[in-house]
Amino acid sequence: MKKIYRTLLICIMLGFFAIAFNAMAGNRDRSGQAGAQHLLIDPWARSSGWSSCGVAETRGLESVFSNIAGLAFTKKTEIAFTRTQFLVGSGGGININAFGVAQGLFAKNKETGRKIDLGTVAISVFAMGFGDIQMTTTDQPSENPAIFSPKLNYIGIHYAKSFNRFIHGGVSFKIVNESISDLRANGIAIDIGVQYLSGPYENFKIGVTLQNLGLPVSYKGDGISIRAKQEGSSYVASFEQRQAAYELPALLTIGMSYDFLIFSEEYQTMSKEDRKAEGLTRADAVHRITIAGSFTANAYSRDNFALGVEYGFLKYLQIRAGYMIQSFEKRKIDGKDKLFANQDSFYLGPSAGVTVGVPLSKKGKQQLLIDYAYRFTNFWKGSHFIGLKICL
């Protein structure tokens, strides 16, 4: 059975790699043709701290953005909330709120009495607000007292399952909404993801995810209608302008990570084979250093590369940092081809974050996690993320 699972996983990953190879150029010609760009914003503090490069590494509720397969590691209950000050200094006070609840599902085998893992379900909410903006018209371009408040939201319904110790997969359905007072657009986006674990302590990981797959979306509402007189008539009527549909910002991300683990003195005296026989994993390590990297092939913008590193001390402290760049292109300088990194996106460059765990029980299985992250941007003053997560 293990060989069947591994063969199937390898076939799926090879298919994903083929898609990514064809999309390697970054589809520059289609830039600006996709809407619902808030689907590309990572609202979670833990994953944002290392530039969202943990597509192979992510676990828990934060995985609903990076790679839904990581949700399968939540076996009990998780509740998380993150508040983001987005693009500080851009004006208007842009804020993002993200909330999620995850619950592991189990059934009892009547014959053996053992628990059967039925997977993990979760629901998440993303809400992005821009504050109150003064409404202007051709008749009142500057002194109009009316205001409007744009909102970008989506609600996600998620499911993930561990097929065995090594293979994990998941799927998400996101109900997407963009709206102002008299105009709105609604759509459905689908994410699918896979994670594969290997190594003596399950410390080598590969992750692949396809995100934001869905049908084109268009705007509807009174905001696209005007009142005017019909030609040759004195009567005033309402005319609705036809709106072109836009695509969702589909992407494919492939990532890998590796854990360097240092165990306590009790386990260090044992041989590597004995430690492996004990079934030790990263959760048993006193010190952990994880190196991760990812490549994102965007269907409607340039591709991204991200690298990150995270240090963990037991379950009580994690410190992480990351760096993101866009795909490279050749430019002629003095008649010679030179390789340059593109800088079209504002969300490029370094990021950093920290997580502090506070035990809520004597054994430490129940925890309150406090997260903070900061992402630099090409423009303005970056973004601040503050999050809380309760693991029961």
Protein backbone atom coordinates (compact mmCIF):
# COMPACT_ATOMS: atom_id res chain seq x y z
CA MET A 1 0.00 0.00 0.00
CA LYS A 2 2.88 2.39 0.79
CA LYS A 3 4.34 1.80 -2.67
CA ILE A 4 0.98 2.61 -4.29
CA TYR A 5 0.70 5.87 -2.33
CA ARG A 6 4.26 6.88 -3.14
CA THR A 7 3.89 6.05 -6.84
CA LEU A 8 0.67 8.07 -7.01
CA LEU A 9 2.30 11.00 -5.21
CA ILE A 10 5.32 10.96 -7.53
CA CYS A 11 3.01 10.98 -10.59
CA ILE A 12 1.04 13.94 -9.19
CA MET A 13 4.22 15.88 -8.40
CA LEU A 14 5.69 15.19 -11.83
CA GLY A 15 2.50 16.55 -13.35
CA PHE A 16 2.73 19.67 -11.18
CA PHE A 17 6.40 20.12 -12.11
CA ALA A 18 5.48 19.90 -15.81
CA ILE A 19 2.85 22.62 -15.37
CA ALA A 20 5.31 24.79 -13.46
CA PHE A 21 7.97 24.32 -16.13
CA ASN A 22 5.57 25.52 -18.84
CA ALA A 23 4.64 28.52 -16.67
CA MET A 24 8.25 29.37 -15.79
CA ALA A 25 8.25 32.56 -17.87
CA GLY A 26 5.77 34.21 -15.52
CA ASN A 27 3.14 35.04 -18.16
CA ARG A 28 4.05 38.71 -18.35
CA ASP A 29 1.63 39.29 -21.27
CA ARG A 30 -1.39 38.50 -19.05
CA SER A 31 -0.42 40.79 -16.18
CA GLY A 32 -3.34 42.83 -14.89
CA GLN A 33 -6.00 40.53 -16.37
CA ALA A 34 -6.86 38.82 -13.07
CA GLY A 35 -8.95 40.29 -10.27
CA ALA A 36 -9.50 39.27 -6.63
CA GLN A 37 -5.88 40.11 -5.85
CA HIS A 38 -6.57 39.77 -2.11
CA LEU A 39 -6.39 36.01 -2.67
CA LEU A 40 -2.61 36.47 -3.07
CA ILE A 41 -2.13 38.16 0.33
CA ASP A 42 -0.98 35.92 3.19
CA PRO A 43 -2.87 37.17 6.27
CA TRP A 44 -1.23 34.86 8.84
CA ALA A 45 1.66 36.06 11.00
CA ARG A 46 3.51 32.74 11.31
CA SER A 47 3.79 32.04 7.58
CA SER A 48 4.36 35.71 6.66
CA GLY A 49 7.41 35.82 8.94
CA TRP A 50 9.43 33.84 6.43
CA SER A 51 7.87 35.16 3.22
CA SER A 52 5.30 32.34 2.91
CA CYS A 53 8.03 29.94 1.75
CA GLY A 54 6.85 27.08 3.98
CA VAL A 55 4.63 25.34 1.43
CA ALA A 56 6.29 22.04 2.43
CA GLU A 57 6.62 22.96 6.10
CA THR A 58 3.36 24.67 7.07
CA ARG A 59 1.18 22.98 9.70
CA GLY A 60 -2.03 23.95 11.43
CA LEU A 61 -4.50 26.71 10.60
CA GLU A 62 -1.91 28.88 8.81
CA SER A 63 -1.74 26.22 6.11
CA VAL A 64 -5.15 27.28 4.76
CA PHE A 65 -3.21 29.93 2.83
CA SER A 66 0.20 28.34 2.14
CA ASN A 67 -0.71 24.69 1.53
CA ILE A 68 -3.97 23.19 2.71
CA ALA A 69 -2.32 19.77 3.12
CA GLY A 70 -0.65 21.04 6.33
CA LEU A 71 -4.05 21.25 8.02
CA ALA A 72 -3.96 17.44 8.34
CA PHE A 73 -1.48 17.78 11.24
CA THR A 74 -4.18 19.36 13.42
CA LYS A 75 -5.61 16.40 15.30
CA LYS A 76 -7.62 18.27 17.95
CA THR A 77 -8.84 21.89 18.03
CA GLU A 78 -7.16 25.10 16.89
CA ILE A 79 -8.51 28.65 17.00
CA ALA A 80 -6.46 31.47 15.43
CA PHE A 81 -6.77 35.19 14.75
CA THR A 82 -4.36 37.62 13.05
CA ARG A 83 -4.61 41.39 12.67
CA THR A 84 -2.54 43.03 9.92
CA GLN A 85 -1.64 46.65 9.37
CA PHE A 86 -1.17 46.45 5.62
CA LEU A 87 1.22 48.75 3.74
CA VAL A 88 1.75 51.22 6.57
CA GLY A 89 2.06 54.77 5.28
CA SER A 90 0.03 54.19 2.12
CA GLY A 91 -2.84 56.26 3.56
CA GLY A 92 -6.38 55.29 4.47
CA GLY A 93 -5.48 52.75 7.17
CA ILE A 94 -5.68 49.40 5.34
CA ASN A 95 -6.31 46.54 7.78
CA ILE A 96 -6.74 42.79 7.37
CA ASN A 97 -8.44 40.46 9.85
CA ALA A 98 -8.06 36.70 9.51
CA PHE A 99 -9.87 34.19 11.71
CA GLY A 100 -10.04 30.42 11.62
CA VAL A 101 -11.22 27.34 13.53
CA ALA A 102 -9.99 23.79 12.87
CA GLN A 103 -11.18 20.50 14.31
CA GLY A 104 -9.78 16.99 13.94
CA LEU A 105 -12.36 14.26 13.27
CA PHE A 106 -12.19 10.71 14.62
CA ALA A 107 -14.38 7.61 14.68
CA LYS A 108 -14.11 4.52 16.86
CA ASN A 109 -13.68 1.09 15.34
CA LYS A 110 -16.29 -1.09 17.04
CA GLU A 111 -14.26 -4.27 16.62
CA THR A 112 -10.82 -3.10 17.76
CA GLY A 113 -11.78 -0.02 19.78
CA ARG A 114 -9.10 2.03 18.02
CA LYS A 115 -9.60 5.57 16.80
CA ILE A 116 -9.85 6.08 13.05
CA ASP A 117 -8.55 9.37 11.68
CA LEU A 118 -11.25 10.93 9.47
CA GLY A 119 -9.23 14.03 8.67
CA THR A 120 -9.50 17.66 9.73
CA VAL A 121 -12.07 20.28 8.83
CA ALA A 122 -11.71 24.04 9.20
CA ILE A 123 -13.39 27.30 8.37
CA SER A 124 -11.55 30.58 7.87
CA VAL A 125 -12.49 34.20 7.21
CA PHE A 126 -10.43 36.88 5.45
CA ALA A 127 -11.67 40.48 5.71
CA MET A 128 -9.79 43.44 4.22
CA GLY A 129 -11.01 47.00 4.86
CA PHE A 130 -9.81 50.33 3.52
CA GLY A 131 -11.62 52.69 5.88
CA ASP A 132 -13.97 55.44 4.74
CA ILE A 133 -13.18 57.05 1.38
CA GLN A 134 -14.75 60.27 0.15
CA MET A 135 -17.02 59.71 -2.82
CA THR A 136 -16.37 61.98 -5.80
CA THR A 137 -18.43 62.57 -8.92
CA THR A 138 -18.08 64.69 -12.03
CA ASP A 139 -20.52 67.17 -10.48
CA GLN A 140 -18.84 67.18 -7.06
CA PRO A 141 -15.16 66.25 -7.54
CA SER A 142 -13.94 67.48 -4.16
CA GLU A 143 -16.72 68.64 -1.82
CA ASN A 144 -19.01 65.62 -1.78
CA PRO A 145 -19.92 64.70 1.85
CA ALA A 146 -20.79 61.11 0.89
CA ILE A 147 -18.36 58.28 1.73
CA PHE A 148 -17.97 54.63 0.72
CA SER A 149 -16.03 51.69 2.19
CA PRO A 150 -14.57 49.07 -0.18
CA LYS A 151 -14.35 45.56 1.23
CA LEU A 152 -12.46 42.48 0.02
CA ASN A 153 -13.47 39.23 1.73
CA TYR A 154 -13.52 35.49 1.40
CA ILE A 155 -14.76 32.60 3.51
CA GLY A 156 -12.90 29.30 3.25
CA ILE A 157 -14.16 25.78 3.96
CA HIS A 158 -11.24 23.36 4.23
CA TYR A 159 -10.62 19.63 4.55
CA ALA A 160 -7.32 17.75 4.88
CA LYS A 161 -6.33 14.18 5.68
CA SER A 162 -3.23 12.15 6.46
CA PHE A 163 -3.23 9.05 4.26
CA ASN A 164 -0.30 7.67 6.25
CA ARG A 165 2.71 9.09 8.15
CA PHE A 166 4.29 10.33 4.94
CA ILE A 167 1.52 11.58 2.63
CA HIS A 168 -0.94 14.35 3.45
CA GLY A 169 -3.42 16.13 1.19
CA GLY A 170 -6.22 18.67 1.35
CA VAL A 171 -8.73 20.80 -0.54
CA SER A 172 -10.25 24.25 0.06
CA PHE A 173 -13.35 25.99 -1.26
CA LYS A 174 -13.30 29.77 -0.94
CA ILE A 175 -16.33 32.02 -1.45
CA VAL A 176 -14.82 35.26 -2.73
CA ASN A 177 -16.42 38.71 -2.48
CA GLU A 178 -15.42 42.22 -3.58
CA SER A 179 -17.89 45.01 -2.86
CA ILE A 180 -18.73 48.66 -2.36
CA SER A 181 -22.16 50.06 -1.54
CA ASP A 182 -23.62 49.68 -5.05
CA LEU A 183 -21.33 47.15 -6.75
CA ARG A 184 -20.20 43.64 -5.95
CA ALA A 185 -18.57 40.56 -7.44
CA ASN A 186 -18.81 36.99 -6.11
CA GLY A 187 -16.96 33.85 -7.10
CA ILE A 188 -15.67 30.49 -5.89
CA ALA A 189 -11.98 29.53 -5.78
CA ILE A 190 -10.56 26.06 -5.16
CA ASP A 191 -7.17 25.11 -3.65
CA ILE A 192 -5.62 21.64 -3.58
CA GLY A 193 -2.35 20.66 -1.92
CA VAL A 194 -0.08 17.72 -1.14
CA GLN A 195 2.79 17.27 1.33
CA TYR A 196 5.24 14.38 1.45
CA LEU A 197 7.48 13.61 4.44
CA SER A 198 10.65 11.54 4.37
CA GLY A 199 13.99 11.17 6.17
CA PRO A 200 14.95 9.37 9.39
CA TYR A 201 12.85 11.75 11.52
CA GLU A 202 10.40 12.85 8.84
CA ASN A 203 12.57 15.93 8.53
CA PHE A 204 12.70 16.19 4.73
CA LYS A 205 9.49 17.54 3.21
CA ILE A 206 8.12 18.35 -0.25
CA GLY A 207 4.96 20.37 -0.80
CA VAL A 208 2.93 21.22 -3.91
CA THR A 209 -0.21 23.32 -4.11
CA LEU A 210 -2.52 24.68 -6.83
CA GLN A 211 -4.49 27.71 -5.69
CA ASN A 212 -7.31 29.98 -6.80
CA LEU A 213 -8.77 27.76 -9.47
CA GLY A 214 -12.20 28.95 -10.56
CA LEU A 215 -14.50 30.35 -13.21
CA PRO A 216 -14.36 33.99 -14.38
CA VAL A 217 -16.12 36.57 -12.19
CA SER A 218 -17.87 39.82 -13.13
CA TYR A 219 -19.28 42.82 -11.25
CA LYS A 220 -23.00 43.42 -10.79
CA GLY A 221 -25.03 46.20 -9.20
CA ASP A 222 -26.32 49.73 -9.62
CA GLY A 223 -22.77 51.08 -9.73
CA ILE A 224 -22.43 50.12 -13.40
CA SER A 225 -25.67 51.84 -14.46
CA ILE A 226 -26.24 55.45 -15.42
CA ARG A 227 -29.35 57.60 -15.85
CA ALA A 228 -29.65 59.49 -19.12
CA LYS A 229 -32.11 60.54 -21.78
CA GLN A 230 -32.65 58.21 -24.67
CA GLU A 231 -31.71 59.58 -28.05
CA GLY A 232 -34.69 61.32 -29.61
CA SER A 233 -36.68 61.21 -26.37
CA SER A 234 -37.21 63.49 -23.36
CA TYR A 235 -37.60 60.57 -20.95
CA VAL A 236 -34.84 59.66 -18.48
CA ALA A 237 -33.98 55.97 -18.27
CA SER A 238 -31.38 53.74 -16.56
CA PHE A 239 -28.71 52.19 -18.75
CA GLU A 240 -26.46 49.36 -17.57
CA GLN A 241 -22.95 49.03 -18.98
CA ARG A 242 -21.79 45.54 -19.84
CA GLN A 243 -18.88 44.40 -17.70
CA ALA A 244 -16.08 42.12 -18.87
CA ALA A 245 -15.44 39.12 -16.62
CA TYR A 246 -12.06 38.76 -14.93
CA GLU A 247 -10.07 35.67 -14.05
CA LEU A 248 -9.02 34.54 -10.59
CA PRO A 249 -5.24 34.79 -9.87
CA ALA A 250 -4.39 31.10 -10.25
CA LEU A 251 -0.93 29.92 -9.20
CA LEU A 252 1.14 26.83 -8.56
CA THR A 253 3.71 26.63 -5.75
CA ILE A 254 6.37 23.96 -5.21
CA GLY A 255 8.52 23.91 -2.08
CA MET A 256 10.97 21.86 -0.02
CA SER A 257 12.25 22.05 3.54
CA TYR A 258 14.72 20.25 5.77
CA ASP A 259 14.97 20.09 9.58
CA PHE A 260 18.27 19.94 11.45
CA LEU A 261 17.38 18.43 14.82
CA ILE A 262 19.22 18.34 18.16
CA PHE A 263 17.71 15.98 20.73
CA SER A 264 18.12 15.92 24.50
CA GLU A 265 21.04 14.08 26.16
CA GLU A 266 18.76 11.12 26.81
CA TYR A 267 18.42 10.49 23.07
CA GLN A 268 21.90 11.66 22.03
CA THR A 269 23.47 8.62 23.71
CA MET A 270 21.37 6.37 21.48
CA SER A 271 22.42 5.34 17.99
CA LYS A 272 20.68 6.82 14.96
CA GLU A 273 18.94 3.50 14.28
CA ASP A 274 17.64 3.32 17.87
CA ARG A 275 16.35 6.90 17.70
CA LYS A 276 14.61 6.07 14.45
CA ALA A 277 13.10 2.94 16.02
CA GLU A 278 11.75 5.13 18.83
CA GLY A 279 9.77 7.04 16.21
CA LEU A 280 11.31 10.40 17.07
CA THR A 281 10.23 13.42 15.03
CA ARG A 282 10.82 17.19 15.14
CA ALA A 283 8.36 17.43 18.04
CA ASP A 284 10.88 15.57 20.26
CA ALA A 285 13.85 17.82 19.41
CA VAL A 286 15.13 20.42 21.88
CA HIS A 287 16.57 22.61 19.11
CA ARG A 288 15.42 22.73 15.51
CA ILE A 289 16.71 24.67 12.49
CA THR A 290 14.55 24.46 9.39
CA ILE A 291 15.61 25.67 5.95
CA ALA A 292 12.81 26.09 3.41
CA GLY A 293 12.41 27.31 -0.15
CA SER A 294 9.61 27.65 -2.67
CA PHE A 295 8.90 28.60 -6.27
CA THR A 296 5.55 30.14 -7.27
CA ALA A 297 4.40 30.12 -10.88
CA ASN A 298 1.74 32.83 -11.23
CA ALA A 299 -0.65 32.59 -14.17
CA TYR A 300 -1.22 36.36 -14.37
CA SER A 301 1.99 37.93 -13.04
CA ARG A 302 5.69 37.25 -12.68
CA ASP A 303 6.93 34.21 -10.79
CA ASN A 304 8.33 34.38 -7.24
CA PHE A 305 11.16 32.64 -5.40
CA ALA A 306 11.27 32.56 -1.59
CA LEU A 307 13.84 31.29 0.91
CA GLY A 308 13.50 31.09 4.69
CA VAL A 309 15.03 29.78 7.88
CA GLU A 310 13.40 29.07 11.24
CA TYR A 311 14.87 28.24 14.64
CA GLY A 312 12.72 26.45 17.20
CA PHE A 313 13.33 25.79 20.90
CA LEU A 314 11.00 23.01 22.04
CA LYS A 315 7.43 24.29 21.64
CA TYR A 316 8.06 27.59 23.35
CA LEU A 317 9.96 29.74 20.89
CA GLN A 318 10.34 30.02 17.11
CA ILE A 319 12.29 32.73 15.30
CA ARG A 320 12.12 32.96 11.52
CA ALA A 321 13.27 35.09 8.60
CA GLY A 322 12.72 34.97 4.86
CA TYR A 323 13.46 36.67 1.58
CA MET A 324 11.38 36.85 -1.61
CA ILE A 325 12.43 37.83 -5.12
CA GLN A 326 10.72 37.76 -8.51
CA SER A 327 11.80 35.82 -11.56
CA PHE A 328 14.86 36.93 -13.52
CA GLU A 329 14.97 38.19 -17.08
CA LYS A 330 17.68 39.04 -19.57
CA ARG A 331 18.29 42.66 -20.52
CA LYS A 332 20.79 44.04 -23.02
CA ILE A 333 23.32 46.36 -21.35
CA ASP A 334 26.05 47.74 -23.64
CA GLY A 335 25.20 45.06 -26.18
CA LYS A 336 25.53 42.20 -23.65
CA ASP A 337 22.81 40.06 -22.08
CA LYS A 338 22.69 40.47 -18.30
CA LEU A 339 20.41 38.78 -15.79
CA PHE A 340 18.24 41.04 -13.62
CA ALA A 341 15.65 40.30 -10.92
CA ASN A 342 12.29 41.93 -11.56
CA GLN A 343 10.88 44.25 -8.91
CA ASP A 344 7.29 44.73 -10.11
CA SER A 345 5.60 43.57 -6.91
CA PHE A 346 5.60 45.59 -3.69
CA TYR A 347 5.85 42.42 -1.56
CA LEU A 348 9.50 41.60 -2.23
CA GLY A 349 12.57 41.57 -0.03
CA PRO A 350 13.10 40.42 3.56
CA SER A 351 10.67 39.45 6.31
CA ALA A 352 11.02 38.34 9.92
CA GLY A 353 8.84 36.92 12.68
CA VAL A 354 8.71 35.32 16.11
CA THR A 355 6.35 32.96 17.94
CA VAL A 356 6.17 32.53 21.71
CA GLY A 357 4.32 29.54 23.17
CA VAL A 358 2.61 29.70 26.57
CA PRO A 359 1.59 26.31 28.05
CA LEU A 360 -2.04 26.05 29.15
CA SER A 361 -1.66 22.63 30.78
CA LYS A 362 0.96 20.81 32.85
CA LYS A 363 1.98 18.50 30.00
CA GLY A 364 2.20 21.44 27.60
CA LYS A 365 -0.08 19.89 24.97
CA GLN A 366 -2.49 22.81 25.21
CA GLN A 367 -0.87 26.09 24.24
CA LEU A 368 -1.44 29.75 23.58
CA LEU A 369 0.80 30.93 20.73
CA ILE A 370 1.59 34.62 20.25
CA ASP A 371 2.86 35.57 16.78
CA TYR A 372 4.42 38.69 15.33
CA ALA A 373 5.80 39.28 11.84
CA TYR A 374 7.00 42.17 9.72
CA ARG A 375 7.31 42.18 5.93
CA PHE A 376 9.31 44.83 4.11
CA THR A 377 7.88 46.29 0.92
CA ASN A 378 9.29 48.15 -2.07
CA PHE A 379 7.00 51.07 -1.31
CA TRP A 380 5.64 52.59 1.92
CA LYS A 381 6.62 51.19 5.33
CA GLY A 382 5.91 47.49 5.22
CA SER A 383 3.21 45.42 6.96
CA HIS A 384 2.82 44.39 10.61
CA PHE A 385 1.15 41.10 11.63
CA ILE A 386 0.03 40.24 15.17
CA GLY A 387 -1.62 36.88 15.81
CA LEU A 388 -2.95 34.61 18.54
CA LYS A 389 -3.57 30.88 18.31
CA ILE A 390 -5.00 28.48 20.86
CA CYS A 391 -4.17 24.77 20.50
CA LEU A 392 -6.43 22.53 22.59
